[in-house]
Amino acid sequence: MGKCGLLLLCLLAIPLIEASALCTTASPASDREDWFPFTIPWDDPADTVTSAADLGDVASFLAEKNVGPMTAWQHRLRVTEFDAPTQASYSLPDLPGPVWTSDTNELTWDASIPDQGLIAVDAEEAQAVIGFTAGRTIALTNLTLEFPSDAADFNVVTLQTLDVLPVSRSPLLLLGAFTRVENTGMVWNAEETSVDDRWGGPPTLIEPTVFTATLTLDSVTGLMVQCLDPTGAPVTA
């Protein structure tokens, strides 16, 4: 294989909601033989869905139908019939944890350290780490991340290609790093689930962090790293 140059774009210090590197391509259910289809009896008027707000807690809904919440993490699931008169019978592997890995080995949820959960995405075109990473080293197929103990407690680091090639061979990669972001004067409620109307104002505060990222690629010459500002424009100074 011939060598190629690599342009690594670094997008840093933007709100977490802008991190969109975690989606991988999925084929329609009808095209896959490794789905676990199951049938849900749809005879409870309370189950009627008329708007997005009616969907509620999907995990609780699945639990009511005898589907464990981590089953959807490990396996591809689809509903084959919403108005079935009886519950279909099916057998799914037991999922004891505290580390759950998807059938494709692309998703891992590690809850082995209490209150320090970690999610890893390891696909051909997108790799990422989400969670409590301070003092930890996480090795993915093409990305190894080392976080010192004084790094921010919670980090999101994403690596994705900007073409159709896998990370190992793409000449254009986007590396994103994200920590906690909030406005000055923003106030959370006691449960820390909402700020209601207490949004605060400028300047926006971003928690600093530090880590070492090591890329493992097929063959690269002429590496160029370009930092981007929060709008995605190149930083020239």
C-alpha atoms as a PDB file:
ATOM      1  CA  MET A   1       0.000   0.000   0.000  1.00  0.00           C
ATOM      2  CA  GLY A   2       1.383   3.412  -0.921  1.00  0.00           C
ATOM      3  CA  LYS A   3       1.996   6.071   1.673  1.00  0.00           C
ATOM      4  CA  CYS A   4      -0.302   9.066   1.938  1.00  0.00           C
ATOM      5  CA  GLY A   5      -0.325  12.419   3.677  1.00  0.00           C
ATOM      6  CA  LEU A   6      -2.687  12.988   6.588  1.00  0.00           C
ATOM      7  CA  LEU A   7      -4.482  16.157   7.641  1.00  0.00           C
ATOM      8  CA  LEU A   8      -5.690  15.889  11.249  1.00  0.00           C
ATOM      9  CA  LEU A   9      -8.278  18.519  12.167  1.00  0.00           C
ATOM     10  CA  CYS A  10      -8.664  19.223  15.885  1.00  0.00           C
ATOM     11  CA  LEU A  11     -11.972  20.614  17.084  1.00  0.00           C
ATOM     12  CA  LEU A  12     -11.718  21.547  20.749  1.00  0.00           C
ATOM     13  CA  ALA A  13     -13.723  23.232  23.491  1.00  0.00           C
ATOM     14  CA  ILE A  14     -17.243  23.204  22.062  1.00  0.00           C
ATOM     15  CA  PRO A  15     -20.494  22.130  23.765  1.00  0.00           C
ATOM     16  CA  LEU A  16     -21.075  18.393  24.006  1.00  0.00           C
ATOM     17  CA  ILE A  17     -24.296  18.659  22.025  1.00  0.00           C
ATOM     18  CA  GLU A  18     -22.218  19.371  18.944  1.00  0.00           C
ATOM     19  CA  ALA A  19     -20.372  16.048  19.155  1.00  0.00           C
ATOM     20  CA  SER A  20     -21.888  13.960  16.368  1.00  0.00           C
ATOM     21  CA  ALA A  21     -19.121  11.458  15.720  1.00  0.00           C
ATOM     22  CA  LEU A  22     -20.821   8.502  17.361  1.00  0.00           C
ATOM     23  CA  CYS A  23     -23.186   7.380  14.600  1.00  0.00           C
ATOM     24  CA  THR A  24     -22.242   4.351  12.546  1.00  0.00           C
ATOM     25  CA  THR A  25     -24.063   3.045   9.515  1.00  0.00           C
ATOM     26  CA  ALA A  26     -26.829   0.514  10.182  1.00  0.00           C
ATOM     27  CA  SER A  27     -28.672  -1.511   7.560  1.00  0.00           C
ATOM     28  CA  PRO A  28     -32.473  -1.809   7.586  1.00  0.00           C
ATOM     29  CA  ALA A  29     -33.782  -4.609   9.787  1.00  0.00           C
ATOM     30  CA  SER A  30     -35.098  -6.567   6.829  1.00  0.00           C
ATOM     31  CA  ASP A  31     -31.578  -6.785   5.413  1.00  0.00           C
ATOM     32  CA  ARG A  32     -29.982  -8.257   8.507  1.00  0.00           C
ATOM     33  CA  GLU A  33     -30.098 -11.839   9.711  1.00  0.00           C
ATOM     34  CA  ASP A  34     -28.568 -11.115  13.135  1.00  0.00           C
ATOM     35  CA  TRP A  35     -31.421  -9.023  14.529  1.00  0.00           C
ATOM     36  CA  PHE A  36     -33.405 -10.332  17.497  1.00  0.00           C
ATOM     37  CA  PRO A  37     -37.031  -9.716  16.499  1.00  0.00           C
ATOM     38  CA  PHE A  38     -39.663  -9.818  19.211  1.00  0.00           C
ATOM     39  CA  THR A  39     -43.385  -9.129  19.293  1.00  0.00           C
ATOM     40  CA  ILE A  40     -45.009  -6.784  21.794  1.00  0.00           C
ATOM     41  CA  PRO A  41     -48.718  -7.102  22.718  1.00  0.00           C
ATOM     42  CA  TRP A  42     -50.079  -3.589  22.180  1.00  0.00           C
ATOM     43  CA  ASP A  43     -53.323  -3.878  24.123  1.00  0.00           C
ATOM     44  CA  ASP A  44     -52.819  -1.252  26.826  1.00  0.00           C
ATOM     45  CA  PRO A  45     -54.437   2.110  25.974  1.00  0.00           C
ATOM     46  CA  ALA A  46     -51.662   3.763  27.966  1.00  0.00           C
ATOM     47  CA  ASP A  47     -49.194   2.474  25.372  1.00  0.00           C
ATOM     48  CA  THR A  48     -50.775   4.535  22.590  1.00  0.00           C
ATOM     49  CA  VAL A  49     -48.179   6.834  21.084  1.00  0.00           C
ATOM     50  CA  THR A  50     -49.531  10.070  19.657  1.00  0.00           C
ATOM     51  CA  SER A  51     -46.458  12.267  19.980  1.00  0.00           C
ATOM     52  CA  ALA A  52     -42.748  12.072  20.697  1.00  0.00           C
ATOM     53  CA  ALA A  53     -43.439  13.007  24.316  1.00  0.00           C
ATOM     54  CA  ASP A  54     -45.483   9.809  24.734  1.00  0.00           C
ATOM     55  CA  LEU A  55     -42.437   7.628  24.093  1.00  0.00           C
ATOM     56  CA  GLY A  56     -41.138   8.290  27.605  1.00  0.00           C
ATOM     57  CA  ASP A  57     -38.476   6.000  29.058  1.00  0.00           C
ATOM     58  CA  VAL A  58     -37.704   3.353  26.447  1.00  0.00           C
ATOM     59  CA  ALA A  59     -35.796   1.201  28.956  1.00  0.00           C
ATOM     60  CA  SER A  60     -38.816   1.072  31.267  1.00  0.00           C
ATOM     61  CA  PHE A  61     -41.072   0.220  28.333  1.00  0.00           C
ATOM     62  CA  LEU A  62     -38.828  -2.680  27.324  1.00  0.00           C
ATOM     63  CA  ALA A  63     -38.610  -3.884  30.924  1.00  0.00           C
ATOM     64  CA  GLU A  64     -42.411  -4.096  31.075  1.00  0.00           C
ATOM     65  CA  LYS A  65     -42.199  -6.409  28.051  1.00  0.00           C
ATOM     66  CA  ASN A  66     -39.557  -8.612  29.730  1.00  0.00           C
ATOM     67  CA  VAL A  67     -36.682  -7.146  27.728  1.00  0.00           C
ATOM     68  CA  GLY A  68     -33.684  -6.154  29.865  1.00  0.00           C
ATOM     69  CA  PRO A  69     -32.399  -2.608  29.340  1.00  0.00           C
ATOM     70  CA  MET A  70     -28.916  -3.809  28.373  1.00  0.00           C
ATOM     71  CA  THR A  71     -30.270  -6.187  25.746  1.00  0.00           C
ATOM     72  CA  ALA A  72     -30.780  -3.285  23.355  1.00  0.00           C
ATOM     73  CA  TRP A  73     -27.181  -2.235  23.988  1.00  0.00           C
ATOM     74  CA  GLN A  74     -25.699  -5.588  23.072  1.00  0.00           C
ATOM     75  CA  HIS A  75     -28.062  -6.748  20.312  1.00  0.00           C
ATOM     76  CA  ARG A  76     -29.910  -5.199  17.406  1.00  0.00           C
ATOM     77  CA  LEU A  77     -33.596  -5.217  18.281  1.00  0.00           C
ATOM     78  CA  ARG A  78     -36.669  -4.382  16.261  1.00  0.00           C
ATOM     79  CA  VAL A  79     -40.373  -4.583  16.921  1.00  0.00           C
ATOM     80  CA  THR A  80     -42.061  -6.896  14.434  1.00  0.00           C
ATOM     81  CA  GLU A  81     -45.649  -6.219  15.470  1.00  0.00           C
ATOM     82  CA  PHE A  82     -47.208  -3.624  17.762  1.00  0.00           C
ATOM     83  CA  ASP A  83     -50.727  -5.094  17.969  1.00  0.00           C
ATOM     84  CA  ALA A  84     -49.900  -8.730  18.642  1.00  0.00           C
ATOM     85  CA  PRO A  85     -52.463 -10.486  20.891  1.00  0.00           C
ATOM     86  CA  THR A  86     -49.797 -12.296  22.923  1.00  0.00           C
ATOM     87  CA  GLN A  87     -46.159 -11.841  23.840  1.00  0.00           C
ATOM     88  CA  ALA A  88     -43.776 -13.668  21.533  1.00  0.00           C
ATOM     89  CA  SER A  89     -41.329 -16.126  23.046  1.00  0.00           C
ATOM     90  CA  TYR A  90     -37.637 -15.524  22.506  1.00  0.00           C
ATOM     91  CA  SER A  91     -34.352 -16.330  24.156  1.00  0.00           C
ATOM     92  CA  LEU A  92     -31.585 -13.763  24.605  1.00  0.00           C
ATOM     93  CA  PRO A  93     -28.231 -14.270  26.348  1.00  0.00           C
ATOM     94  CA  ASP A  94     -27.934 -13.199  29.959  1.00  0.00           C
ATOM     95  CA  LEU A  95     -26.114  -9.889  30.411  1.00  0.00           C
ATOM     96  CA  PRO A  96     -24.512  -9.838  33.880  1.00  0.00           C
ATOM     97  CA  GLY A  97     -22.088  -6.916  33.378  1.00  0.00           C
ATOM     98  CA  PRO A  98     -20.433  -4.808  34.670  1.00  0.00           C
ATOM     99  CA  VAL A  99     -18.922  -4.549  31.165  1.00  0.00           C
ATOM    100  CA  TRP A 100     -21.310  -4.853  28.227  1.00  0.00           C
ATOM    101  CA  THR A 101     -20.100  -5.181  24.634  1.00  0.00           C
ATOM    102  CA  SER A 102     -22.268  -5.151  21.525  1.00  0.00           C
ATOM    103  CA  ASP A 103     -22.394  -8.077  19.112  1.00  0.00           C
ATOM    104  CA  THR A 104     -20.324  -6.077  16.634  1.00  0.00           C
ATOM    105  CA  ASN A 105     -17.683  -5.216  19.280  1.00  0.00           C
ATOM    106  CA  GLU A 106     -18.146  -1.569  18.282  1.00  0.00           C
ATOM    107  CA  LEU A 107     -19.825  -0.442  21.529  1.00  0.00           C
ATOM    108  CA  THR A 108     -18.623  -1.070  25.080  1.00  0.00           C
ATOM    109  CA  TRP A 109     -20.201   0.176  28.299  1.00  0.00           C
ATOM    110  CA  ASP A 110     -17.830  -0.259  31.242  1.00  0.00           C
ATOM    111  CA  ALA A 111     -19.386   0.167  34.699  1.00  0.00           C
ATOM    112  CA  SER A 112     -16.713  -1.794  36.554  1.00  0.00           C
ATOM    113  CA  ILE A 113     -15.729   1.274  38.609  1.00  0.00           C
ATOM    114  CA  PRO A 114     -18.733   2.500  40.658  1.00  0.00           C
ATOM    115  CA  ASP A 115     -19.940   5.962  39.612  1.00  0.00           C
ATOM    116  CA  GLN A 116     -17.171   6.129  36.990  1.00  0.00           C
ATOM    117  CA  GLY A 117     -18.888   4.756  33.900  1.00  0.00           C
ATOM    118  CA  LEU A 118     -17.190   4.729  30.512  1.00  0.00           C
ATOM    119  CA  ILE A 119     -18.536   4.207  26.983  1.00  0.00           C
ATOM    120  CA  ALA A 120     -16.221   3.344  24.098  1.00  0.00           C
ATOM    121  CA  VAL A 121     -17.038   3.389  20.386  1.00  0.00           C
ATOM    122  CA  ASP A 122     -14.678   1.404  18.166  1.00  0.00           C
ATOM    123  CA  ALA A 123     -15.890   1.318  14.578  1.00  0.00           C
ATOM    124  CA  GLU A 124     -13.988   1.555  11.299  1.00  0.00           C
ATOM    125  CA  GLU A 125     -14.965   5.149  10.537  1.00  0.00           C
ATOM    126  CA  ALA A 126     -15.564   6.548  14.037  1.00  0.00           C
ATOM    127  CA  GLN A 127     -13.925   5.906  17.400  1.00  0.00           C
ATOM    128  CA  ALA A 128     -14.695   7.641  20.673  1.00  0.00           C
ATOM    129  CA  VAL A 129     -14.510   7.577  24.456  1.00  0.00           C
ATOM    130  CA  ILE A 130     -17.241   9.049  26.647  1.00  0.00           C
ATOM    131  CA  GLY A 131     -17.182   9.105  30.411  1.00  0.00           C
ATOM    132  CA  PHE A 132     -15.015   9.381  33.505  1.00  0.00           C
ATOM    133  CA  THR A 133     -11.522   9.071  32.114  1.00  0.00           C
ATOM    134  CA  ALA A 134      -9.170  10.867  34.551  1.00  0.00           C
ATOM    135  CA  GLY A 135      -6.193   8.641  35.363  1.00  0.00           C
ATOM    136  CA  ARG A 136      -7.179   6.019  32.797  1.00  0.00           C
ATOM    137  CA  THR A 137      -5.756   4.752  29.504  1.00  0.00           C
ATOM    138  CA  ILE A 138      -8.202   3.572  26.851  1.00  0.00           C
ATOM    139  CA  ALA A 139      -6.961   1.700  23.779  1.00  0.00           C
ATOM    140  CA  LEU A 140      -9.162   1.480  20.693  1.00  0.00           C
ATOM    141  CA  THR A 141      -8.235   0.027  17.303  1.00  0.00           C
ATOM    142  CA  ASN A 142      -6.651   3.201  15.941  1.00  0.00           C
ATOM    143  CA  LEU A 143      -6.807   5.587  18.893  1.00  0.00           C
ATOM    144  CA  THR A 144      -5.164   5.286  22.311  1.00  0.00           C
ATOM    145  CA  LEU A 145      -5.990   7.935  24.908  1.00  0.00           C
ATOM    146  CA  GLU A 146      -3.995   8.534  28.084  1.00  0.00           C
ATOM    147  CA  PHE A 147      -5.570  10.837  30.668  1.00  0.00           C
ATOM    148  CA  PRO A 148      -3.448  11.998  33.617  1.00  0.00           C
ATOM    149  CA  SER A 149      -5.022  12.082  37.051  1.00  0.00           C
ATOM    150  CA  ASP A 150      -5.330  15.882  36.892  1.00  0.00           C
ATOM    151  CA  ALA A 151      -7.393  15.813  33.682  1.00  0.00           C
ATOM    152  CA  ALA A 152     -11.052  16.786  33.808  1.00  0.00           C
ATOM    153  CA  ASP A 153     -13.087  14.021  35.446  1.00  0.00           C
ATOM    154  CA  PHE A 154     -15.494  13.633  32.520  1.00  0.00           C
ATOM    155  CA  ASN A 155     -14.284  13.775  28.921  1.00  0.00           C
ATOM    156  CA  VAL A 156     -15.549  13.026  25.451  1.00  0.00           C
ATOM    157  CA  VAL A 157     -12.951  12.435  22.730  1.00  0.00           C
ATOM    158  CA  THR A 158     -14.023  11.521  19.202  1.00  0.00           C
ATOM    159  CA  LEU A 159     -12.075  10.566  16.090  1.00  0.00           C
ATOM    160  CA  GLN A 160     -13.869  10.303  12.773  1.00  0.00           C
ATOM    161  CA  THR A 161     -13.079  10.215   9.090  1.00  0.00           C
ATOM    162  CA  LEU A 162     -14.320  12.935   6.772  1.00  0.00           C
ATOM    163  CA  ASP A 163     -14.611  10.585   3.806  1.00  0.00           C
ATOM    164  CA  VAL A 164     -15.764   6.992   3.242  1.00  0.00           C
ATOM    165  CA  LEU A 165     -12.439   5.390   4.175  1.00  0.00           C
ATOM    166  CA  PRO A 166     -11.724   3.758   7.549  1.00  0.00           C
ATOM    167  CA  VAL A 167      -9.731   5.664  10.149  1.00  0.00           C
ATOM    168  CA  SER A 168      -6.643   3.569   9.429  1.00  0.00           C
ATOM    169  CA  ARG A 169      -6.468   4.738   5.778  1.00  0.00           C
ATOM    170  CA  SER A 170      -8.274   8.076   5.635  1.00  0.00           C
ATOM    171  CA  PRO A 171      -6.197  11.144   4.636  1.00  0.00           C
ATOM    172  CA  LEU A 172      -8.568  13.467   6.516  1.00  0.00           C
ATOM    173  CA  LEU A 173      -9.488  12.893  10.164  1.00  0.00           C
ATOM    174  CA  LEU A 174     -11.372  15.016  12.686  1.00  0.00           C
ATOM    175  CA  LEU A 175     -10.381  14.792  16.354  1.00  0.00           C
ATOM    176  CA  GLY A 176     -12.765  16.365  18.846  1.00  0.00           C
ATOM    177  CA  ALA A 177     -12.324  16.906  22.582  1.00  0.00           C
ATOM    178  CA  PHE A 178     -15.215  17.958  24.794  1.00  0.00           C
ATOM    179  CA  THR A 179     -15.637  18.626  28.504  1.00  0.00           C
ATOM    180  CA  ARG A 180     -18.262  20.340  30.646  1.00  0.00           C
ATOM    181  CA  VAL A 181     -19.596  23.618  29.235  1.00  0.00           C
ATOM    182  CA  GLU A 182     -21.956  26.107  30.844  1.00  0.00           C
ATOM    183  CA  ASN A 183     -22.764  29.792  30.875  1.00  0.00           C
ATOM    184  CA  THR A 184     -21.643  32.116  33.642  1.00  0.00           C
ATOM    185  CA  GLY A 185     -24.385  32.184  36.266  1.00  0.00           C
ATOM    186  CA  MET A 186     -26.124  29.028  35.011  1.00  0.00           C
ATOM    187  CA  VAL A 187     -27.940  27.361  37.925  1.00  0.00           C
ATOM    188  CA  TRP A 188     -29.064  23.711  37.993  1.00  0.00           C
ATOM    189  CA  ASN A 189     -31.983  22.428  40.017  1.00  0.00           C
ATOM    190  CA  ALA A 190     -31.402  20.216  43.062  1.00  0.00           C
ATOM    191  CA  GLU A 191     -31.608  17.023  40.967  1.00  0.00           C
ATOM    192  CA  GLU A 192     -29.222  18.455  38.357  1.00  0.00           C
ATOM    193  CA  THR A 193     -31.645  17.497  35.603  1.00  0.00           C
ATOM    194  CA  SER A 194     -32.601  20.972  34.356  1.00  0.00           C
ATOM    195  CA  VAL A 195     -31.661  24.630  34.594  1.00  0.00           C
ATOM    196  CA  ASP A 196     -35.293  25.680  34.016  1.00  0.00           C
ATOM    197  CA  ASP A 197     -34.958  29.325  32.921  1.00  0.00           C
ATOM    198  CA  ARG A 198     -31.690  29.983  34.769  1.00  0.00           C
ATOM    199  CA  TRP A 199     -29.473  29.853  31.691  1.00  0.00           C
ATOM    200  CA  GLY A 200     -26.997  32.512  32.800  1.00  0.00           C
ATOM    201  CA  GLY A 201     -25.047  34.467  30.216  1.00  0.00           C
ATOM    202  CA  PRO A 202     -21.639  35.128  28.681  1.00  0.00           C
ATOM    203  CA  PRO A 203     -18.861  34.343  28.886  1.00  0.00           C
ATOM    204  CA  THR A 204     -19.276  30.615  28.307  1.00  0.00           C
ATOM    205  CA  LEU A 205     -17.170  28.564  30.730  1.00  0.00           C
ATOM    206  CA  ILE A 206     -15.365  25.459  29.496  1.00  0.00           C
ATOM    207  CA  GLU A 207     -13.597  23.036  31.821  1.00  0.00           C
ATOM    208  CA  PRO A 208      -9.972  22.558  30.680  1.00  0.00           C
ATOM    209  CA  THR A 209      -8.565  19.074  30.239  1.00  0.00           C
ATOM    210  CA  VAL A 210      -5.397  17.344  29.081  1.00  0.00           C
ATOM    211  CA  PHE A 211      -4.696  13.988  27.453  1.00  0.00           C
ATOM    212  CA  THR A 212      -2.321  12.263  25.055  1.00  0.00           C
ATOM    213  CA  ALA A 213      -3.768  10.818  21.846  1.00  0.00           C
ATOM    214  CA  THR A 214      -1.819   8.207  19.878  1.00  0.00           C
ATOM    215  CA  LEU A 215      -2.993   7.255  16.377  1.00  0.00           C
ATOM    216  CA  THR A 216      -2.204   3.861  14.867  1.00  0.00           C
ATOM    217  CA  LEU A 217      -2.528   4.143  11.082  1.00  0.00           C
ATOM    218  CA  ASP A 218      -1.568   2.013   8.099  1.00  0.00           C
ATOM    219  CA  SER A 219       0.988   4.336   6.542  1.00  0.00           C
ATOM    220  CA  VAL A 220       1.339   8.096   6.745  1.00  0.00           C
ATOM    221  CA  THR A 221       3.811  10.716   5.535  1.00  0.00           C
ATOM    222  CA  GLY A 222       3.540  14.469   5.672  1.00  0.00           C
ATOM    223  CA  LEU A 223       1.334  14.692   8.775  1.00  0.00           C
ATOM    224  CA  MET A 224      -0.375  18.065   9.220  1.00  0.00           C
ATOM    225  CA  VAL A 225      -2.388  19.072  12.293  1.00  0.00           C
ATOM    226  CA  GLN A 226      -4.855  21.950  11.973  1.00  0.00           C
ATOM    227  CA  CYS A 227      -6.705  23.323  15.004  1.00  0.00           C
ATOM    228  CA  LEU A 228     -10.276  24.556  14.490  1.00  0.00           C
ATOM    229  CA  ASP A 229     -12.174  27.191  16.422  1.00  0.00           C
ATOM    230  CA  PRO A 230     -15.666  26.530  17.887  1.00  0.00           C
ATOM    231  CA  THR A 231     -17.260  27.390  14.516  1.00  0.00           C
ATOM    232  CA  GLY A 232     -15.090  24.843  12.666  1.00  0.00           C
ATOM    233  CA  ALA A 233     -12.898  27.475  11.007  1.00  0.00           C
ATOM    234  CA  PRO A 234      -9.095  27.000  10.952  1.00  0.00           C
ATOM    235  CA  VAL A 235      -7.174  28.741  13.725  1.00  0.00           C
ATOM    236  CA  THR A 236      -4.473  30.820  12.053  1.00  0.00           C
ATOM    237  CA  ALA A 237      -2.749  32.380  15.049  1.00  0.00           C
END
